[in-house]
Structures are given as C-alpha cells and as structure tokens.
C-alpha atoms as a PDB file:
ATOM      1  CA  MET A   1       9.079 -83.207 -16.918  1.00  0.00           C
ATOM      2  CA  LYS A   2       8.491 -85.367 -20.000  1.00  0.00           C
ATOM      3  CA  MET A   3       8.318 -89.106 -19.501  1.00  0.00           C
ATOM      4  CA  THR A   4       9.869 -91.243 -22.206  1.00  0.00           C
ATOM      5  CA  LEU A   5       8.270 -94.481 -23.260  1.00  0.00           C
ATOM      6  CA  GLY A   6      10.065 -97.773 -23.322  1.00  0.00           C
ATOM      7  CA  SER A   7      10.128 -99.661 -26.609  1.00  0.00           C
ATOM      8  CA  GLU A   8       7.570-102.135 -25.232  1.00  0.00           C
ATOM      9  CA  GLU A   9       5.144 -99.296 -24.497  1.00  0.00           C
ATOM     10  CA  GLU A  10       5.780 -97.674 -27.870  1.00  0.00           C
ATOM     11  CA  ASN A  11       5.157-100.946 -29.686  1.00  0.00           C
ATOM     12  CA  PHE A  12       1.998-101.642 -27.695  1.00  0.00           C
ATOM     13  CA  LEU A  13       0.633 -98.127 -28.234  1.00  0.00           C
ATOM     14  CA  GLU A  14       1.324 -98.272 -31.954  1.00  0.00           C
ATOM     15  CA  VAL A  15      -0.636-101.505 -32.350  1.00  0.00           C
ATOM     16  CA  ALA A  16      -3.377-100.589 -29.862  1.00  0.00           C
ATOM     17  CA  VAL A  17      -4.079 -97.177 -31.370  1.00  0.00           C
ATOM     18  CA  ALA A  18      -4.087 -98.613 -34.894  1.00  0.00           C
ATOM     19  CA  ALA A  19      -6.782-101.085 -33.801  1.00  0.00           C
ATOM     20  CA  ILE A  20      -9.133 -98.453 -32.340  1.00  0.00           C
ATOM     21  CA  PRO A  21     -11.098 -97.744 -35.550  1.00  0.00           C
ATOM     22  CA  ARG A  22     -11.921-101.404 -36.164  1.00  0.00           C
ATOM     23  CA  ILE A  23     -12.635-102.248 -32.527  1.00  0.00           C
ATOM     24  CA  SER A  24     -14.830 -99.174 -32.093  1.00  0.00           C
ATOM     25  CA  GLU A  25     -16.735-100.137 -35.233  1.00  0.00           C
ATOM     26  CA  LEU A  26     -17.368-103.617 -33.852  1.00  0.00           C
ATOM     27  CA  ILE A  27     -18.459-102.360 -30.430  1.00  0.00           C
ATOM     28  CA  ALA A  28     -20.691 -99.629 -31.893  1.00  0.00           C
ATOM     29  CA  ALA A  29     -22.502-102.345 -33.856  1.00  0.00           C
ATOM     30  CA  PHE A  30     -23.628-103.947 -30.574  1.00  0.00           C
ATOM     31  CA  PRO A  31     -26.990-102.885 -29.156  1.00  0.00           C
ATOM     32  CA  ALA A  32     -26.464 -99.962 -26.764  1.00  0.00           C
ATOM     33  CA  GLU A  33     -27.241-102.092 -23.714  1.00  0.00           C
ATOM     34  CA  HIS A  34     -24.347-104.457 -24.524  1.00  0.00           C
ATOM     35  CA  ARG A  35     -21.655-101.900 -25.323  1.00  0.00           C
ATOM     36  CA  ALA A  36     -20.482-101.450 -21.734  1.00  0.00           C
ATOM     37  CA  GLY A  37     -19.768-105.177 -21.504  1.00  0.00           C
ATOM     38  CA  ALA A  38     -17.985-105.138 -24.850  1.00  0.00           C
ATOM     39  CA  LEU A  39     -15.825-102.237 -23.659  1.00  0.00           C
ATOM     40  CA  GLU A  40     -14.928-104.178 -20.503  1.00  0.00           C
ATOM     41  CA  VAL A  41     -13.841-107.128 -22.630  1.00  0.00           C
ATOM     42  CA  ALA A  42     -11.786-104.805 -24.859  1.00  0.00           C
ATOM     43  CA  GLU A  43     -10.077-103.328 -21.796  1.00  0.00           C
ATOM     44  CA  ARG A  44      -9.155-106.786 -20.470  1.00  0.00           C
ATOM     45  CA  ARG A  45      -7.806-107.791 -23.888  1.00  0.00           C
ATOM     46  CA  TYR A  46      -5.780-104.604 -24.141  1.00  0.00           C
ATOM     47  CA  MET A  47      -4.277-105.313 -20.703  1.00  0.00           C
ATOM     48  CA  GLU A  48      -3.345-108.828 -21.816  1.00  0.00           C
ATOM     49  CA  ALA A  49      -1.805-107.446 -24.997  1.00  0.00           C
ATOM     50  CA  ALA A  50       0.178-104.800 -23.099  1.00  0.00           C
ATOM     51  CA  ARG A  51       1.612-107.492 -20.832  1.00  0.00           C
ATOM     52  CA  ASP A  52       2.364-109.675 -23.870  1.00  0.00           C
ATOM     53  CA  PHE A  53       4.294-106.743 -25.350  1.00  0.00           C
ATOM     54  CA  GLY A  54       6.386-106.689 -22.177  1.00  0.00           C
ATOM     55  CA  CYS A  55       4.901-103.630 -20.474  1.00  0.00           C
ATOM     56  CA  THR A  56       5.136-103.525 -16.705  1.00  0.00           C
ATOM     57  CA  GLU A  57       1.858-103.720 -14.807  1.00  0.00           C
ATOM     58  CA  LEU A  58       1.990 -99.987 -14.047  1.00  0.00           C
ATOM     59  CA  ALA A  59       2.819 -99.034 -17.629  1.00  0.00           C
ATOM     60  CA  ALA A  60       0.145-101.395 -18.977  1.00  0.00           C
ATOM     61  CA  GLY A  61      -2.504 -99.824 -16.752  1.00  0.00           C
ATOM     62  CA  THR A  62      -1.514 -96.308 -17.765  1.00  0.00           C
ATOM     63  CA  ARG A  63      -1.335 -97.027 -21.487  1.00  0.00           C
ATOM     64  CA  VAL A  64      -4.529 -99.088 -21.547  1.00  0.00           C
ATOM     65  CA  SER A  65      -6.345 -96.254 -19.778  1.00  0.00           C
ATOM     66  CA  GLU A  66      -5.197 -93.873 -22.518  1.00  0.00           C
ATOM     67  CA  VAL A  67      -6.217 -96.265 -25.295  1.00  0.00           C
ATOM     68  CA  MET A  68      -9.604 -96.941 -23.692  1.00  0.00           C
ATOM     69  CA  HIS A  69     -10.322 -93.217 -23.515  1.00  0.00           C
ATOM     70  CA  GLY A  70      -9.808 -93.031 -27.278  1.00  0.00           C
ATOM     71  CA  LEU A  71     -11.844 -96.175 -27.857  1.00  0.00           C
ATOM     72  CA  ARG A  72     -14.778 -94.958 -25.745  1.00  0.00           C
ATOM     73  CA  THR A  73     -14.763 -91.641 -27.590  1.00  0.00           C
ATOM     74  CA  GLN A  74     -14.843 -93.370 -30.965  1.00  0.00           C
ATOM     75  CA  VAL A  75     -17.627 -95.763 -29.913  1.00  0.00           C
ATOM     76  CA  GLU A  76     -19.686 -92.825 -28.673  1.00  0.00           C
ATOM     77  CA  LEU A  77     -19.160 -90.895 -31.917  1.00  0.00           C
ATOM     78  CA  GLN A  78     -20.053 -93.914 -34.033  1.00  0.00           C
ATOM     79  CA  GLY A  79     -23.149 -94.528 -31.911  1.00  0.00           C
ATOM     80  CA  ILE A  80     -24.264 -90.931 -32.502  1.00  0.00           C
ATOM     81  CA  ASP A  81     -23.600 -91.295 -36.230  1.00  0.00           C
ATOM     82  CA  GLN A  82     -25.670 -94.482 -36.297  1.00  0.00           C
ATOM     83  CA  GLN A  83     -28.549 -92.796 -34.434  1.00  0.00           C
ATOM     84  CA  ASN A  84     -28.492 -89.894 -36.889  1.00  0.00           C
ATOM     85  CA  PHE A  85     -28.438 -92.295 -39.822  1.00  0.00           C
ATOM     86  CA  ASP A  86     -31.355 -94.306 -38.407  1.00  0.00           C
ATOM     87  CA  ALA A  87     -33.387 -91.125 -37.813  1.00  0.00           C
ATOM     88  CA  LEU A  88     -32.713 -89.942 -41.361  1.00  0.00           C
ATOM     89  CA  LEU A  89     -33.632 -93.341 -42.776  1.00  0.00           C
ATOM     90  CA  ARG A  90     -36.928 -93.355 -40.832  1.00  0.00           C
ATOM     91  CA  LYS A  91     -37.691 -89.847 -42.081  1.00  0.00           C
ATOM     92  CA  LEU A  92     -36.988 -90.807 -45.667  1.00  0.00           C
ATOM     93  CA  MET A  93     -39.088 -93.949 -45.390  1.00  0.00           C
ATOM     94  CA  ARG A  94     -42.066 -91.944 -44.083  1.00  0.00           C
ATOM     95  CA  SER A  95     -41.848 -89.444 -46.934  1.00  0.00           C
ATOM     96  CA  ALA A  96     -41.532 -92.131 -49.619  1.00  0.00           C
END
C-alpha cells in the first residue's frame, strides 16, 4: 500500500531536502565532538519547520526522521572527505 503525502508534507520535504547540502556542510565544519549537538539542533529546527508548514505531529516526526537520515549521511560523508583532505595535505606538507 502506497501512502500519499499531503501538500504540507510535500512542501516541507521539498524545502527540507533542498537544504541538506548546505546544512550538512555547516555541521561538517564543526569539530567532530560538537557535531552531535549540531545535529540535535537541526532536528529540532526541522520539527519546527514541519509544524510551520502545517504537518501534523505524526507526519512531522516521520518526515523529519527521513530528512535527518539523509542529513546524517551527508555529514558523515563530508567528515570523511575532510579527513582524507587533511591527511593528504599533511602528506604533501611533509614531502615539500
């Protein structure tokens, strides 16, 4: 059975998903020990936004969970990219 989204959910998801690249970039720039807190703040803000878009509490929770999964994945990937970049930079600096 396929569940259809209400227009409020569609609108929220469109905006929320579009914001993932920029938000993940900002969170990945935090030191690793502060990222969990930044992700918690992002989740609270997404919940507020979902409610502002008119999503029910249940729909907001479901959609925010989906968006946060994508956000966490992107933050993790960007963190790995940054670690690889830093390691390469250190290697290049030693050989220079």
